[in-house]
Each structure stands twice: as C-alpha cells, then as structure tokens.
C-alpha cells in the first residue's frame, strides 16, 4: 500500500514545481497531524501553536496541491502533450488500464480527493472551534488583547466564552465576526489600531440576544442590599459605610418599579448622544405601555452642525458598559482589597500610601514595579523604621497586591491608564445615571427627568461609621437629623403600608 502511494507521488510530481507542491502538501499534512495529536494530549497548549496547526499548515497543504496542478499545466504547455499522454508516460499500464470500476489511477485520485475534502473540512471545523476559545481571543494578539484578557480572567463572566457576546448565534453572526476578524488581523499587522481601543464596541451582538439569555430584566425583582466600604486616609484606614437598598424591579409589581424599568419589554427608552460616546445626551424619548410619549431635550447639550447625533434604544450595556472587561477605580480597588483582607490595614496610613504608590504615573510596567515597591518601602523605613523591620512580610505582601492591582488596570503598551474606561454603573461624578437623570433634560412643559436618589435606591447610610445609620432612631440634636428622618421614612414607605407599620414598631 505504501509502495503504491510512493509510486503515485512520483507519478504526479511531473516537474520541479510539482515536486515542490507534493513536498509542501505531504510535509504540512504530517506536521499538522503531529501537532494536533500534541494538542489533544495536552503537550502543547499555546495559542500560537494553534495558529500554526489550523491556519499555516492547512494553507501550505492547499498551496502544495495547487502547485501540483500548476506543474502539470506547465508541462503540458512546454511539451505540447495531452494529459492522457503524460499519464501514460508517468504511470504503468496496469495503473491506467480501465476495467468495470475504472482505472486504478482514477480510483486512487477519487479516493484521495474525497480524503482531502474530509481532511480540510475537519480542519476547518477545528479551526473555527479553536478560534472561538477565550484563550485564542486573549493571547493570539498578545500586545493588543492582553488588557482585555487580564480583565476578562478576573471578571464575573470569566466562564462565559468571548464569542457568546462578541459573535452570538447563527451563520450570519459567524460570517460577520470572521470578516471583522480579517480587518482586525490587518490592523494588528500594520499597527492601524487606536490605542486605547475606542468604546463602545459596535461588533457586540444586541443585548436582547446575549445578556438576556441569563439576565432577563424580569428575573431581578424586589430589592438588593449593597454595602460599599470606603477607607479613609487616616493612620488606621478607618472604614466608612454607604449602604444602599437597590430597587431592581423591572415591572410595576405592587405599583413599584426600579432600575430595570428602563429595559423592561413594555417600556421603550431612546436617546441621542453626541459623537457616539453615550455621555453627552441631547434628548431622551420615553414610550410607556399606555401609549404615552415624552421627549426630554437638553438645555445645555446641543449637537452642532459638524457633530453627528447617534440615536439608540436603551438596553443593558448603556449602564452595564463594563460587564466583563472591568477596569477599577484606584481608590475603590484598594478599598476592595482591604475589605477582602488581602491588604492589612494594621500598617499605618496604608490606604493613603497605597493609593499614592499605584497612581504615580509610571512610563511602563517595569518602572511601576520599582516605583510602587520603593514608595511603600521608603515610606515605612523613613517614618516607621521599627515597624518596617517587624512587619516586613506584611509590607512585601502589600506590595505584591498593589503590583497585581496595577497590572490589572494599567497597560502602557495600549495607553490604558487609570480612568481610561469609565463605568456607567452608579453615578460617580457626572457620569452613569446622571447622564439622563439631571435637571437639564426637560420636556415641553419644563418638567425634568427626576434625579431623586430614592428612584433607584433607598439610602441607609452615607459614608458613616455605622452601616445602617439611617435605620437607627432619629436624634434631633444631630445636625443632619432631617436627612436622617427623610431617608428612614423613604425606606419604610418603599415597602408599603403593612411593612411600614411593622418596621415602625421595630424601630420604636
């Protein structure tokens, strides 16, 4: 059998071009099989090996086959002989002799053609499967995608494949993604990408098709208690608590609705923003189930003639714009690590010094490693020399944590610094909720979109030592007792009359 195959190879290698083609096709096939076995056995896991296995070797295999045909075509032109005459010269009579089932050569060519089709089809499927794996998305274009890969691995969606949001389902979505991928390859090859990558990303599938497979608005109902811990810059890094009772209802159960009202199926919210940044809103349309319609127009933000207006129907990602690739605020990142116990606040002024260390403005990662380490070591050696010796392990651990925070959020090779990608969850500064919920957006009657805190959450404590400050009995001698009373009443009223009466009895 092997001898027959070698004779066939010698026969079709009709000239140097044909021989080169057969060498390319045969060697690439053997190498591909070896690498594929190594990948299946877990010996090789690199995404670059996958690129070679599923893209380079199949391409060389096809090029080799094409060269064989080119060799035969050139030989026919040079010699002036027909294909039949060349076949009779290259192969023995018993190979080309016809019988009931055709010649042995014809059967061999048919069998190998079918084998090639099956082989290339199987490899194409394996290639598509490989390219759908998160490790390929994150590591194949390391310099460009490394920031997204790092944040993805530490996100709430780290077990959700990239393609489930970035590609979606169906042949149309697959074709669109591959065409876009070709442009991305060209952009990476010729360094045409913007740094940092601009957002929003328009290739994302609609949220109704992706997010709502797991997170449909009606799934979230009632309220959710959330306590945000903020540590002060004093010596003890004293914690202050902000406690929110989030109203996440999408509908109007018990005449109440909450945050997800904006994306409930029965409501439609459309808005226009300047330059597609979704930050400067020019108008907002609200259509309710009863058919009523309101347009709120901004008194301050007006698109000029040379500025395009982008109209969009509101969905999940208008607020959850960093659902997976989450870049942290530096102060909040340190607060989170202290709360989780990986930063030990027994070190004096840890919050203050840690924040200064990671926001030092370093040109690259190596400089950041040295700068963060030198800052923390230097501070404790200068001001607390005894502690620097007795708690050196804690300081080393703190430096390791700070370096991890920095490496996750700052990527100089892509010009990603602190604040490069803002999150619209909440209303830090003037972003998030306040893009629309502000007094500048008014309807024809002069009524504005409400910016009342109680629309989306009840406030139970606001940067206070006690996490449930406003649930305590009101002290009229306190300077902010009226605010205390307001938030307490609002919280109790939000549960309806019966719950309100029961809660009042418990507080008295």
Foldseek 3Di string as FASTA:
>chain_A
DVVVVVLVLQLLCLDPLLVVLSVQQVVLVVVLVVLVVCVVVVVDDALVSVCCNLPVSVVSNVVSVVSSVVVVVVVCVVVVDDPVVSNPVSDPCQQQPQDPVGGVVVVVVVVVVVVNVVVNVVSVVVSVVSCQAQSNVQPVLPLQRVLQSLLQCVAPCVVPTPCLFLQNDDPVSVVVVVVVVVVVVVCSVVVVAAFPHDDDDPSTDDCVRHVCVPCPQQVDADWDKDKAWAFDQAFLSAIFIWIWTFGRACDQVVHAHADNVLADPQKKKKWKAWPPPLQATAKIWIAGNVGDIFMWGFPPDDDDPPIDIDMDIDDDCSQQVPNRSDADALSSLVSVCVVVPLQPSNGTSLSVQLSCLLQVDDQALVRSLVSSLCSLLVVCCVPPVVCCVVVVVNSVSSSVSSSSSNVNHDHNSSPGDRPPDDHLHDQDDCHRPNSQQDQRTATPVSDGRHPDPLRTIQIQGDRHSDNRNLLADQDVVDPVSVVSVVSNVSVLPVVPDVSSVVSVVVRD
